[in-house]
Structure formats: structure tokens, C-alpha cells
């Protein structure tokens, strides 16, 4: 039931609220504001300091945002793999 997001980071798959592509979603001002506020509230966890491709929002501790170098399709496949 756990999803590996890269490096040494694993999250509970049942806590996932959404998985988003950084290139496509950060075009919108509302997404940039959301990520900025999450960062200000210390809710952002950088899984890797390489070029990020996605972010995953979870329900743990209110909410958390994991920024990952994995693309959305890879994370979705991992989620589907545990639910099969």
C-alpha cells in the first residue's frame, strides 16, 4: 500500500489526493499560488533536487505536497499496481 516517489521517500497510497504534472499545471496562476502557500506553510517535501516533473498531494498531516522527479504516468502505474 506504499508508493515509492524516489530517493528514500515512500508514501501511503491511500493518502493520495492528486498527482499533477508540473509543466502543465504550473502554467495556471492558481497552481503556482497553491504551491507557494504550501511552501510557506512548510508542507512541501522535495523528494529529489534534480529537475522535478510532478507533485503529489497527500492527506497526511492535513496535507503534504511531494515534489518528485518521477513523471505522473510512473506514479499512477505504481498506484494502480497496489490496487490491482
N, C-alpha and C. Protein backbone atom coordinates (compact mmCIF):
# COMPACT_ATOMS: atom_id res chain seq x y z
N UNK A 1 0.80 -1.20 0.00
CA UNK A 1 0.00 0.00 0.00
C UNK A 1 0.84 1.27 0.00
N UNK A 2 2.14 1.12 -0.08
CA UNK A 2 3.01 2.28 -0.09
C UNK A 2 3.57 2.52 -1.48
N UNK A 3 3.75 3.80 -1.81
CA UNK A 3 4.24 4.20 -3.13
C UNK A 3 5.60 4.86 -2.96
N UNK A 4 6.57 4.39 -3.74
CA UNK A 4 7.92 4.96 -3.73
C UNK A 4 7.94 6.13 -4.70
N UNK A 5 8.28 7.33 -4.20
CA UNK A 5 8.33 8.53 -5.03
C UNK A 5 9.72 8.91 -5.49
N UNK A 6 10.72 8.15 -5.06
CA UNK A 6 12.09 8.47 -5.43
C UNK A 6 12.93 8.66 -4.19
N UNK A 7 14.25 8.58 -4.41
CA UNK A 7 15.21 8.69 -3.31
C UNK A 7 14.77 7.75 -2.18
N UNK A 8 14.61 8.27 -0.98
CA UNK A 8 14.21 7.44 0.17
C UNK A 8 12.81 7.79 0.65
N UNK A 9 11.95 8.23 -0.27
CA UNK A 9 10.63 8.69 0.12
C UNK A 9 9.55 7.72 -0.31
N UNK A 10 8.75 7.31 0.68
CA UNK A 10 7.65 6.40 0.44
C UNK A 10 6.42 7.00 1.11
N UNK A 11 5.26 6.96 0.41
CA UNK A 11 4.03 7.50 0.98
C UNK A 11 2.95 6.42 0.97
N UNK A 12 1.96 6.60 1.81
CA UNK A 12 0.82 5.69 1.83
C UNK A 12 -0.06 5.99 0.63
N UNK A 13 -0.27 5.01 -0.22
CA UNK A 13 -1.07 5.20 -1.43
C UNK A 13 -2.50 5.64 -1.14
N UNK A 14 -3.03 5.28 0.00
CA UNK A 14 -4.40 5.64 0.33
C UNK A 14 -4.54 7.11 0.75
N UNK A 15 -3.42 7.77 1.02
CA UNK A 15 -3.44 9.19 1.39
C UNK A 15 -3.38 10.12 0.18
N UNK A 16 -3.19 9.58 -1.01
CA UNK A 16 -3.02 10.42 -2.20
C UNK A 16 -4.33 11.10 -2.56
N UNK A 17 -4.26 12.42 -2.70
CA UNK A 17 -5.39 13.22 -3.14
C UNK A 17 -5.29 13.46 -4.64
N UNK A 18 -4.08 13.76 -5.12
CA UNK A 18 -3.90 14.02 -6.55
C UNK A 18 -2.44 13.96 -6.95
N UNK A 19 -2.23 13.65 -8.22
CA UNK A 19 -0.88 13.60 -8.81
C UNK A 19 -0.91 14.53 -10.01
N UNK A 20 0.02 15.47 -10.06
CA UNK A 20 -0.04 16.53 -11.06
C UNK A 20 1.29 16.70 -11.79
N UNK A 21 1.21 16.99 -13.07
CA UNK A 21 2.38 17.27 -13.90
C UNK A 21 2.79 18.72 -13.67
N UNK A 22 4.03 18.95 -13.31
CA UNK A 22 4.48 20.31 -13.02
C UNK A 22 4.47 21.21 -14.25
N UNK A 23 4.88 20.70 -15.40
CA UNK A 23 4.93 21.54 -16.60
C UNK A 23 3.55 22.04 -17.00
N UNK A 24 2.56 21.17 -16.93
CA UNK A 24 1.22 21.54 -17.38
C UNK A 24 0.44 22.35 -16.35
N UNK A 25 0.59 22.03 -15.08
CA UNK A 25 -0.24 22.69 -14.07
C UNK A 25 0.30 24.02 -13.59
N UNK A 26 1.61 24.22 -13.64
CA UNK A 26 2.16 25.48 -13.12
C UNK A 26 1.97 26.64 -14.10
N UNK A 27 1.37 26.37 -15.23
CA UNK A 27 1.01 27.45 -16.15
C UNK A 27 -0.11 28.29 -15.52
N UNK A 28 -0.94 27.64 -14.74
CA UNK A 28 -2.07 28.34 -14.10
C UNK A 28 -1.61 29.07 -12.84
N UNK A 29 -2.06 30.29 -12.70
CA UNK A 29 -1.69 31.10 -11.54
C UNK A 29 -2.16 30.46 -10.23
N UNK A 30 -3.34 29.84 -10.25
CA UNK A 30 -3.87 29.24 -9.02
C UNK A 30 -2.98 28.11 -8.51
N UNK A 31 -2.40 27.33 -9.42
CA UNK A 31 -1.50 26.25 -9.01
C UNK A 31 -0.21 26.82 -8.44
N UNK A 32 0.33 27.84 -9.09
CA UNK A 32 1.55 28.48 -8.56
C UNK A 32 1.30 29.04 -7.17
N UNK A 33 0.14 29.67 -6.97
CA UNK A 33 -0.22 30.21 -5.64
C UNK A 33 -0.35 29.09 -4.61
N UNK A 34 -0.99 27.99 -5.01
CA UNK A 34 -1.15 26.85 -4.11
C UNK A 34 0.21 26.32 -3.65
N UNK A 35 1.12 26.12 -4.61
CA UNK A 35 2.45 25.62 -4.27
C UNK A 35 3.23 26.62 -3.43
N UNK A 36 3.07 27.90 -3.73
CA UNK A 36 3.74 28.94 -2.94
C UNK A 36 3.25 28.93 -1.50
N UNK A 37 1.93 28.83 -1.31
CA UNK A 37 1.37 28.78 0.04
C UNK A 37 1.77 27.51 0.77
N UNK A 38 1.78 26.40 0.06
CA UNK A 38 2.20 25.14 0.68
C UNK A 38 3.65 25.23 1.14
N UNK A 39 4.48 25.85 0.32
CA UNK A 39 5.89 26.02 0.69
C UNK A 39 6.03 26.94 1.91
N UNK A 40 5.26 28.01 1.91
CA UNK A 40 5.30 28.95 3.04
C UNK A 40 4.87 28.26 4.33
N UNK A 41 3.90 27.35 4.23
CA UNK A 41 3.41 26.62 5.39
C UNK A 41 4.23 25.37 5.72
N UNK A 42 5.36 25.23 5.04
CA UNK A 42 6.29 24.11 5.25
C UNK A 42 5.61 22.76 5.01
N UNK A 43 4.80 22.69 3.97
CA UNK A 43 4.10 21.46 3.60
C UNK A 43 4.71 20.81 2.36
N UNK A 44 5.76 21.40 1.79
CA UNK A 44 6.37 20.88 0.58
C UNK A 44 7.60 20.05 0.94
N UNK A 45 7.64 18.85 0.39
CA UNK A 45 8.79 17.95 0.59
C UNK A 45 9.40 17.68 -0.78
N UNK A 46 10.65 18.09 -0.96
CA UNK A 46 11.36 17.80 -2.21
C UNK A 46 11.96 16.42 -2.09
N UNK A 47 11.48 15.53 -2.95
CA UNK A 47 11.96 14.15 -2.93
C UNK A 47 13.35 14.08 -3.54
N UNK A 48 13.62 14.91 -4.53
CA UNK A 48 14.92 14.93 -5.18
C UNK A 48 15.21 16.36 -5.60
N UNK A 49 16.45 16.70 -5.67
CA UNK A 49 16.81 18.05 -6.08
C UNK A 49 17.20 18.10 -7.54
N UNK A 50 16.86 17.04 -8.28
CA UNK A 50 17.02 17.06 -9.73
C UNK A 50 15.79 17.75 -10.31
N UNK A 51 15.75 17.89 -11.63
CA UNK A 51 14.65 18.57 -12.29
C UNK A 51 13.32 17.87 -11.97
N UNK A 52 12.40 18.54 -11.26
CA UNK A 52 11.14 17.90 -10.89
C UNK A 52 10.19 17.80 -12.08
N UNK A 53 9.38 16.74 -12.06
CA UNK A 53 8.41 16.52 -13.14
C UNK A 53 6.97 16.50 -12.63
N UNK A 54 6.79 16.20 -11.35
CA UNK A 54 5.43 16.09 -10.84
C UNK A 54 5.37 16.49 -9.37
N UNK A 55 4.14 16.68 -8.92
CA UNK A 55 3.93 16.83 -7.48
C UNK A 55 2.70 16.03 -7.09
N UNK A 56 2.78 15.45 -5.90
CA UNK A 56 1.71 14.61 -5.37
C UNK A 56 1.22 15.23 -4.09
N UNK A 57 -0.09 15.42 -4.01
CA UNK A 57 -0.71 15.98 -2.81
C UNK A 57 -1.29 14.83 -2.01
N UNK A 58 -0.97 14.79 -0.72
CA UNK A 58 -1.49 13.74 0.15
C UNK A 58 -2.25 14.34 1.32
N UNK A 59 -3.03 13.51 1.97
CA UNK A 59 -3.85 13.95 3.10
C UNK A 59 -3.14 13.80 4.44
N UNK A 60 -1.87 13.42 4.44
CA UNK A 60 -1.18 13.24 5.71
C UNK A 60 -0.89 14.59 6.36
N UNK A 61 -1.03 14.65 7.67
CA UNK A 61 -0.79 15.87 8.44
C UNK A 61 -1.56 17.06 7.87
N UNK A 62 -2.84 16.89 7.59
CA UNK A 62 -3.63 17.94 6.96
C UNK A 62 -3.48 17.82 5.46
N UNK A 63 -2.32 18.15 4.97
CA UNK A 63 -1.94 17.89 3.59
C UNK A 63 -0.43 18.05 3.47
N UNK A 64 0.13 17.37 2.50
CA UNK A 64 1.55 17.49 2.18
C UNK A 64 1.69 17.46 0.67
N UNK A 65 2.71 18.14 0.17
CA UNK A 65 3.00 18.18 -1.26
C UNK A 65 4.39 17.62 -1.48
N UNK A 66 4.47 16.53 -2.23
CA UNK A 66 5.74 15.90 -2.55
C UNK A 66 6.13 16.25 -3.98
N UNK A 67 7.28 16.88 -4.15
CA UNK A 67 7.77 17.22 -5.48
C UNK A 67 8.78 16.16 -5.87
N UNK A 68 8.53 15.54 -7.03
CA UNK A 68 9.29 14.36 -7.42
C UNK A 68 9.84 14.48 -8.84
N UNK A 69 10.92 13.75 -9.10
CA UNK A 69 11.48 13.69 -10.44
C UNK A 69 10.77 12.66 -11.30
N UNK A 70 9.88 11.86 -10.71
CA UNK A 70 9.11 10.88 -11.47
C UNK A 70 7.99 11.58 -12.24
N UNK A 71 7.68 11.05 -13.43
CA UNK A 71 6.56 11.63 -14.16
C UNK A 71 5.25 11.05 -13.64
N UNK A 72 4.17 11.71 -13.98
CA UNK A 72 2.85 11.33 -13.48
C UNK A 72 2.51 9.89 -13.83
N UNK A 73 2.79 9.48 -15.06
CA UNK A 73 2.45 8.13 -15.50
C UNK A 73 3.12 7.06 -14.65
N UNK A 74 4.36 7.28 -14.27
CA UNK A 74 5.08 6.32 -13.44
C UNK A 74 4.42 6.19 -12.07
N UNK A 75 4.06 7.29 -11.47
CA UNK A 75 3.42 7.25 -10.15
C UNK A 75 2.05 6.59 -10.25
N UNK A 76 1.30 6.92 -11.29
CA UNK A 76 -0.03 6.32 -11.48
C UNK A 76 0.08 4.81 -11.65
N UNK A 77 1.06 4.35 -12.43
CA UNK A 77 1.27 2.91 -12.59
C UNK A 77 1.55 2.25 -11.25
N UNK A 78 2.34 2.90 -10.41
CA UNK A 78 2.64 2.35 -9.09
C UNK A 78 1.39 2.29 -8.23
N UNK A 79 0.56 3.30 -8.30
CA UNK A 79 -0.70 3.32 -7.54
C UNK A 79 -1.62 2.21 -8.04
N UNK A 80 -1.76 2.08 -9.34
CA UNK A 80 -2.62 1.03 -9.91
C UNK A 80 -2.09 -0.35 -9.57
N UNK A 81 -0.77 -0.49 -9.48
CA UNK A 81 -0.17 -1.77 -9.15
C UNK A 81 -0.54 -2.27 -7.77
N UNK A 82 -0.70 -1.34 -6.83
CA UNK A 82 -1.05 -1.78 -5.47
C UNK A 82 -2.54 -2.01 -5.33
N UNK A 83 -3.34 -1.43 -6.21
CA UNK A 83 -4.80 -1.56 -6.10
C UNK A 83 -5.32 -2.72 -6.94
N UNK A 84 -4.45 -3.37 -7.71
CA UNK A 84 -4.89 -4.48 -8.57
C UNK A 84 -5.06 -5.75 -7.77
